[in-house]
Each structure stands twice: as structure tokens, then as C-alpha cells.
Amino acid sequence: MSDAIVLQGVTARGHHGVLESEKRDGQTFVVDVHLTLDLAPAGRSDDLAATVNYAEVASLVVARIAGPSFDLIERLAEVIADDVLAFDRVDEVEVVVHKPEAPVGHPFSDVQVRIRRSQGPRAVIALGSNLGDRGQTLSLAVDALRELPGFTVTSVSPLVETEPVGGPDQPPYLNAVVIGRARLGPRELLEALHRIEAAHGRTREVRWGARTLDLDLIQFGSPGSVDEVVSTDESLTLPHPRAGERAFVLVPWAAVDPHARLRLGPGDERIRPVRELLGGLDQSGVGPGPEWGQP
């Protein structure tokens, strides 16, 4: 990935340092931030939501410089990197903290600490439930994903209510999509999803039957990028082979990420915007669901 946003020379006064005088009197700190991300969606759409607002990044940096004191600028750089990586679209960040007034005791022009931190690949998970307290079950599933080691939830879609597709007669579903960053491998992540399902009483006796909780790994890695995982293994098929035909997946996905794209299948070279795929589907069975936390 060669696309980048570079923010240089963000300056503020802070109180970081080991010495008592540094914490008491403060000094000037200067921070450079280099964000690596895919800028093609923003270039195609001219939409701010398709990129990262660098004014927001600058505000976060200033808040950290002027905020609680750290002994080390290494720590200041680390928390700034964490803040920037919270933007889902950022794949990697380099943070340089300059301390031009450092008490070095000798003539110098600058002291700086430079760190580089990366996100894990982007993963898309579809959630569904049509037995029991559906909303509560999905809320607990999202909580479990937030607590899953090696996975960071970055976005959660609104709930939608959908009529069942295929299978026996059964109640309507609540569905949602979660987007996150995975430091787990795709197989490890899928196994974790199965454990969360089992913890909520999911059984698999009837194909496409009613279930307390369904968690499907739809996509792992950004389509067409080096981190995309494409697999035809029966136990790990990626991307999900029927995701592009399912309005109950694409509607909440498009709601949480209007610029999402999907490879049409594991052996398919075609990559399409999710909104474009939705335009060819019957969406009459998908409607607004309750607010999160509501019955």
C-alpha cells in the first residue's frame, strides 16, 4: 500500500519528561504522523467518509501532547499511534515525536522518537438470531467479539429485521454486521466465532434452520489487497460464497460502510461495491430493526 496522508509539525505545549522541571514548566513538542491507507475510495467518490479526516487526527495529537504527563516520549508516541489506529481505514501509522527543548546538556537541534505500528487485516462478520431474545443475544455476541483477544471491533451496523430465506418455516431474524481488525488468522477467528455461537446454544441439526445465534465470516482482508485471504477449503471458504446474494448481509454492511467492496466468490476475479450488488437484489424482506439494547 503506497497511499498515505502525512501530517507534519503538529505543535503543542506539554509536560512530558522525567525531570521535575519538565513536569512543572512544560515545553514544546512537535509530532509528525504518517498514515498508510487506501485512498482510492475517496478519490473515486470525493466523499470525506471514505478517508480519514486529518483535522481530527491533529486534534487527537494535540490532546495527547497537552494531556496527562508521561515520563517518556516513547509512551507519548505509543498512545498517539493507538489513537490513530482506532480509525478503521488506517492500515499502518508512523509517529515521530520531536522534543526540541529536551534537557540534553549539549548543543543539539532535535531529539525524536519514531515508531511504526500496523493494524491487522480487516474482517467482516455477519450476525443473525431468530430464537429467544434476539436483540439481547446479538448484543452479547458483539460484547464477546469486543473481548476476543486478537480482534478489535471498529464498527457495528444498525440492526435489521429480515424474513427467513430458505429452510423450514421459522420466525424472522435480526441481523447485523460487525467490522473489525484481526491479529488472529482467519481459521482462528472462525473457530472463535463457533465458540461464541456454542456459548449461546447454537446447534446445527437443520441446514438453514432457526438458530439462537449465527456468526458468519464474510471477508478477511480488503479485496484485491495483499492481506486478502481467498480460500476454497470447505471448512474455510473466503469470501463467503453467498454473501453477494444476501440482502440481510449487504443492507447492514452498506449502512455501516457505504464504500465496502466484495469479491464475488473465492474463484472469482470480480470485485464489486456492496451498494452496487444491493441494487440487483430484492430487499423487500429486509426492514429496520430495533435500536441496539431495545427488545
Protein backbone atom coordinates (compact mmCIF):
# COMPACT_ATOMS: atom_id res chain seq x y z
CA MET A 1 0.00 0.00 0.00
CA SER A 2 1.61 3.26 -1.15
CA ASP A 3 -1.27 5.70 -0.44
CA ALA A 4 -0.70 7.95 2.54
CA ILE A 5 -1.81 11.01 4.47
CA VAL A 6 1.12 12.87 6.04
CA LEU A 7 0.54 15.38 8.84
CA GLN A 8 3.74 17.18 9.83
CA GLY A 9 4.65 19.59 12.57
CA VAL A 10 1.64 19.35 14.87
CA THR A 11 2.80 21.53 17.76
CA ALA A 12 1.58 21.98 21.32
CA ARG A 13 2.90 22.50 24.81
CA GLY A 14 3.09 19.54 27.15
CA HIS A 15 4.63 18.36 30.43
CA HIS A 16 6.28 15.09 29.43
CA GLY A 17 9.66 14.16 30.85
CA VAL A 18 11.43 12.53 33.75
CA LEU A 19 12.71 15.73 35.40
CA GLU A 20 10.66 17.67 37.94
CA SER A 21 11.24 20.89 35.97
CA GLU A 22 9.84 19.32 32.78
CA LYS A 23 6.65 18.30 34.53
CA ARG A 24 6.35 21.69 36.26
CA ASP A 25 7.26 24.13 33.49
CA GLY A 26 6.40 22.18 30.33
CA GLN A 27 7.94 22.58 26.90
CA THR A 28 7.10 22.45 23.19
CA PHE A 29 6.55 19.10 21.46
CA VAL A 30 6.21 18.58 17.71
CA VAL A 31 4.61 15.47 16.20
CA ASP A 32 4.57 14.09 12.64
CA VAL A 33 2.01 11.43 11.69
CA HIS A 34 2.23 9.30 8.53
CA LEU A 35 -0.96 7.30 7.85
CA THR A 36 -0.94 4.46 5.33
CA LEU A 37 -4.39 3.66 3.92
CA ASP A 38 -6.25 3.02 0.69
CA LEU A 39 -7.24 6.41 -0.74
CA ALA A 40 -8.88 5.02 -3.88
CA PRO A 41 -12.43 5.06 -2.41
CA ALA A 42 -12.04 8.75 -1.51
CA GLY A 43 -10.50 9.52 -4.89
CA ARG A 44 -13.41 7.87 -6.69
CA SER A 45 -16.21 9.27 -4.55
CA ASP A 46 -14.92 12.68 -3.33
CA ASP A 47 -16.51 11.69 0.00
CA LEU A 48 -14.86 12.59 3.31
CA ALA A 49 -16.37 9.46 4.88
CA ALA A 50 -14.19 7.36 2.56
CA THR A 51 -10.95 8.65 4.06
CA VAL A 52 -9.57 9.91 7.39
CA ASN A 53 -10.20 13.49 8.46
CA TYR A 54 -6.72 14.81 9.19
CA ALA A 55 -8.17 17.66 11.26
CA GLU A 56 -9.49 15.01 13.66
CA VAL A 57 -6.06 13.39 13.74
CA ALA A 58 -4.43 16.74 14.56
CA SER A 59 -6.92 17.31 17.39
CA LEU A 60 -6.14 13.89 18.86
CA VAL A 61 -2.40 14.60 18.71
CA VAL A 62 -2.76 17.98 20.42
CA ALA A 63 -4.96 16.42 23.12
CA ARG A 64 -2.26 13.84 23.85
CA ILE A 65 0.56 16.39 23.92
CA ALA A 66 -1.35 18.72 26.24
CA GLY A 67 -2.88 15.88 28.26
CA PRO A 68 -1.64 13.81 31.21
CA SER A 69 2.12 13.75 31.66
CA PHE A 70 4.30 10.81 30.62
CA ASP A 71 7.91 10.29 31.67
CA LEU A 72 8.93 9.12 28.19
CA ILE A 73 8.17 10.45 24.73
CA GLU A 74 8.21 6.79 23.68
CA ARG A 75 4.96 6.45 25.63
CA LEU A 76 3.54 9.60 24.08
CA ALA A 77 4.27 8.21 20.61
CA GLU A 78 2.63 4.89 21.51
CA VAL A 79 -0.67 6.39 22.69
CA ILE A 80 -0.84 8.63 19.62
CA ALA A 81 -0.33 5.57 17.40
CA ASP A 82 -3.14 3.77 19.26
CA ASP A 83 -5.44 6.75 18.75
CA VAL A 84 -4.76 6.87 15.01
CA LEU A 85 -5.17 3.11 14.55
CA ALA A 86 -8.66 3.44 16.01
CA PHE A 87 -9.61 4.86 12.59
CA ASP A 88 -10.75 1.71 10.79
CA ARG A 89 -9.39 2.79 7.41
CA VAL A 90 -5.81 3.23 8.64
CA ASP A 91 -3.63 0.19 7.88
CA GLU A 92 -0.37 1.48 9.35
CA VAL A 93 0.84 4.58 11.15
CA GLU A 94 4.26 6.08 11.75
CA VAL A 95 4.51 8.60 14.59
CA VAL A 96 7.54 10.85 15.15
CA VAL A 97 7.68 12.84 18.40
CA HIS A 98 10.18 15.73 18.41
CA LYS A 99 11.40 17.25 21.69
CA PRO A 100 13.45 20.27 20.57
CA GLU A 101 13.79 21.70 24.10
CA ALA A 102 14.94 18.43 25.72
CA PRO A 103 17.45 18.89 28.58
CA VAL A 104 20.30 17.16 26.75
CA GLY A 105 23.10 19.20 28.29
CA HIS A 106 24.89 19.68 24.96
CA PRO A 107 24.20 21.66 21.78
CA PHE A 108 21.70 19.82 19.53
CA SER A 109 18.98 20.62 17.01
CA ASP A 110 16.39 17.96 17.77
CA VAL A 111 15.58 14.79 19.70
CA GLN A 112 12.98 12.48 18.21
CA VAL A 113 11.37 9.11 18.77
CA ARG A 114 9.98 7.31 15.73
CA ILE A 115 7.63 4.29 15.90
CA ARG A 116 5.63 2.36 13.31
CA ARG A 117 2.54 0.32 14.18
CA SER A 118 0.21 -1.73 11.97
CA GLN A 119 -3.39 -2.88 12.03
CA GLY A 120 -4.40 -6.45 11.45
CA PRO A 121 -6.39 -7.30 8.30
CA ARG A 122 -9.97 -6.07 8.11
CA ALA A 123 -12.60 -8.75 8.82
CA VAL A 124 -16.35 -8.60 8.17
CA ILE A 125 -18.67 -10.73 10.31
CA ALA A 126 -22.41 -11.17 9.75
CA LEU A 127 -24.62 -11.80 12.79
CA GLY A 128 -28.12 -13.26 12.94
CA SER A 129 -30.62 -14.57 15.50
CA ASN A 130 -34.26 -15.65 15.35
CA LEU A 131 -34.80 -17.57 18.59
CA GLY A 132 -35.16 -16.25 22.13
CA ASP A 133 -34.36 -12.63 22.93
CA ARG A 134 -32.75 -11.87 19.58
CA GLY A 135 -31.56 -8.36 20.38
CA GLN A 136 -30.03 -9.39 23.69
CA THR A 137 -28.28 -12.34 22.07
CA LEU A 138 -26.76 -10.16 19.35
CA SER A 139 -25.68 -7.55 21.91
CA LEU A 140 -23.92 -10.25 23.93
CA ALA A 141 -22.28 -11.57 20.75
CA VAL A 142 -20.89 -8.11 19.96
CA ASP A 143 -19.62 -7.87 23.55
CA ALA A 144 -17.90 -11.24 23.11
CA LEU A 145 -16.25 -10.02 19.91
CA ARG A 146 -15.06 -6.87 21.70
CA GLU A 147 -13.47 -9.06 24.38
CA LEU A 148 -11.93 -11.55 21.95
CA PRO A 149 -8.12 -11.47 22.20
CA GLY A 150 -6.59 -10.68 18.83
CA PHE A 151 -9.69 -8.97 17.43
CA THR A 152 -10.63 -5.28 17.62
CA VAL A 153 -14.20 -4.23 16.78
CA THR A 154 -14.13 -0.99 14.79
CA SER A 155 -17.73 -0.67 13.50
CA VAL A 156 -21.14 -2.16 14.31
CA SER A 157 -24.07 -1.76 11.92
CA PRO A 158 -27.66 -0.96 12.84
CA LEU A 159 -29.96 -3.94 13.39
CA VAL A 160 -32.26 -5.02 10.56
CA GLU A 161 -35.19 -7.42 10.74
CA THR A 162 -35.45 -9.93 7.90
CA GLU A 163 -37.75 -12.64 6.68
CA PRO A 164 -36.10 -16.10 6.63
CA VAL A 165 -34.55 -17.17 3.33
CA GLY A 166 -34.73 -20.89 2.56
CA GLY A 167 -35.10 -23.65 5.11
CA PRO A 168 -38.20 -24.60 7.13
CA ASP A 169 -40.85 -22.23 8.49
CA GLN A 170 -39.31 -20.13 11.24
CA PRO A 171 -39.52 -16.72 12.93
CA PRO A 172 -37.98 -13.56 11.43
CA TYR A 173 -34.35 -12.73 12.10
CA LEU A 174 -32.50 -9.80 13.49
CA ASN A 175 -29.28 -9.27 11.54
CA ALA A 176 -26.25 -7.01 11.79
CA VAL A 177 -22.67 -6.71 10.56
CA VAL A 178 -19.54 -6.17 12.62
CA ILE A 179 -16.30 -4.91 11.08
CA GLY A 180 -13.03 -5.30 12.93
CA ARG A 181 -9.28 -5.76 12.68
CA ALA A 182 -7.87 -9.24 13.25
CA ARG A 183 -4.48 -10.19 14.60
CA LEU A 184 -5.80 -13.75 14.61
CA GLY A 185 -5.58 -15.79 11.43
CA PRO A 186 -8.85 -16.41 9.56
CA ARG A 187 -9.16 -20.01 10.75
CA GLU A 188 -8.53 -18.98 14.36
CA LEU A 189 -11.13 -16.25 14.03
CA LEU A 190 -13.69 -18.67 12.56
CA GLU A 191 -13.08 -21.12 15.41
CA ALA A 192 -13.63 -18.29 17.90
CA LEU A 193 -16.93 -17.41 16.17
CA HIS A 194 -18.05 -21.03 16.51
CA ARG A 195 -17.22 -20.96 20.23
CA ILE A 196 -19.30 -17.81 20.70
CA GLU A 197 -22.19 -19.45 18.82
CA ALA A 198 -21.96 -22.57 21.00
CA ALA A 199 -21.95 -20.46 24.16
CA HIS A 200 -25.37 -19.17 23.08
CA GLY A 201 -26.84 -22.60 22.38
CA ARG A 202 -26.30 -22.74 18.63
CA THR A 203 -26.94 -26.21 17.16
CA ARG A 204 -26.56 -27.34 13.53
CA GLU A 205 -29.07 -30.18 13.09
CA VAL A 206 -31.12 -28.45 10.36
CA ARG A 207 -29.47 -26.60 7.49
CA TRP A 208 -30.75 -23.03 7.27
CA GLY A 209 -32.92 -23.74 10.29
CA ALA A 210 -33.78 -21.43 13.15
CA ARG A 211 -30.89 -20.60 15.44
CA THR A 212 -30.15 -18.66 18.60
CA LEU A 213 -27.02 -17.16 17.03
CA ASP A 214 -25.31 -17.28 13.66
CA LEU A 215 -21.89 -15.73 13.08
CA ASP A 216 -20.51 -15.89 9.53
CA LEU A 217 -17.03 -14.75 8.50
CA ILE A 218 -17.84 -12.90 5.27
CA GLN A 219 -14.49 -11.42 4.28
CA PHE A 220 -10.94 -11.41 5.62
CA GLY A 221 -8.65 -8.68 4.31
CA SER A 222 -9.51 -5.93 1.86
CA PRO A 223 -10.49 -7.22 -1.62
CA GLY A 224 -7.59 -7.03 -4.05
CA SER A 225 -5.03 -6.18 -1.36
CA VAL A 226 -2.07 -8.23 -0.20
CA ASP A 227 -3.83 -9.08 3.07
CA GLU A 228 -6.96 -10.53 1.42
CA VAL A 229 -7.47 -14.22 2.15
CA VAL A 230 -9.18 -16.21 -0.60
CA SER A 231 -9.89 -19.84 0.23
CA THR A 232 -11.86 -22.68 -1.36
CA ASP A 233 -11.35 -25.01 1.62
CA GLU A 234 -14.74 -26.47 2.65
CA SER A 235 -14.00 -25.62 6.28
CA LEU A 236 -12.94 -22.05 5.47
CA THR A 237 -14.46 -20.60 2.30
CA LEU A 238 -13.49 -16.95 1.78
CA PRO A 239 -15.04 -14.68 0.84
CA HIS A 240 -18.39 -16.17 1.88
CA PRO A 241 -19.71 -17.70 -1.37
CA ARG A 242 -23.31 -16.47 -0.97
CA ALA A 243 -22.75 -13.09 0.71
CA GLY A 244 -23.29 -11.16 -2.52
CA GLU A 245 -26.78 -12.69 -2.86
CA ARG A 246 -27.96 -11.95 0.67
CA ALA A 247 -29.70 -8.65 1.27
CA PHE A 248 -29.77 -9.37 5.00
CA VAL A 249 -25.96 -9.21 4.95
CA LEU A 250 -25.45 -6.42 2.41
CA VAL A 251 -28.05 -3.98 3.80
CA PRO A 252 -26.47 -3.61 7.26
CA TRP A 253 -22.97 -3.83 5.75
CA ALA A 254 -23.66 -0.92 3.38
CA ALA A 255 -25.18 1.03 6.27
CA VAL A 256 -22.01 0.77 8.37
CA ASP A 257 -19.57 1.08 5.44
CA PRO A 258 -21.05 2.76 2.35
CA HIS A 259 -17.80 2.19 0.42
CA ALA A 260 -17.47 -1.53 1.16
CA ARG A 261 -16.48 -3.87 -1.68
CA LEU A 262 -16.82 -7.64 -2.02
CA ARG A 263 -15.15 -10.26 -4.19
CA LEU A 264 -17.99 -12.25 -5.71
CA GLY A 265 -16.52 -15.62 -4.76
CA PRO A 266 -13.32 -17.49 -3.92
CA GLY A 267 -12.60 -18.26 -7.57
CA ASP A 268 -13.94 -15.01 -8.99
CA GLU A 269 -11.77 -12.09 -10.07
CA ARG A 270 -14.69 -9.65 -9.97
CA ILE A 271 -14.81 -7.19 -7.07
CA ARG A 272 -17.95 -5.08 -6.74
CA PRO A 273 -19.15 -2.29 -4.44
CA VAL A 274 -21.64 -3.66 -1.93
CA ARG A 275 -24.10 -0.89 -2.81
CA GLU A 276 -23.94 -1.94 -6.46
CA LEU A 277 -24.70 -5.55 -5.53
CA LEU A 278 -27.63 -4.41 -3.41
CA GLY A 279 -29.14 -2.66 -6.41
CA GLY A 280 -29.68 -6.02 -8.09
CA LEU A 281 -31.32 -7.72 -5.09
CA ASP A 282 -34.86 -7.89 -3.77
CA GLN A 283 -34.70 -6.02 -0.46
CA SER A 284 -38.40 -6.27 0.38
CA GLY A 285 -37.76 -8.84 3.13
CA VAL A 286 -35.33 -6.60 4.98
CA GLY A 287 -36.54 -3.75 7.17
CA PRO A 288 -35.34 -1.60 10.07
CA GLY A 289 -34.79 -3.43 13.32
CA PRO A 290 -34.91 -2.11 16.90
CA GLU A 291 -32.20 0.08 18.34
CA TRP A 292 -29.34 -1.79 19.98
CA GLY A 293 -30.30 -2.54 23.58
CA GLN A 294 -34.04 -2.41 22.83
CA PRO A 295 -36.26 -5.55 22.92
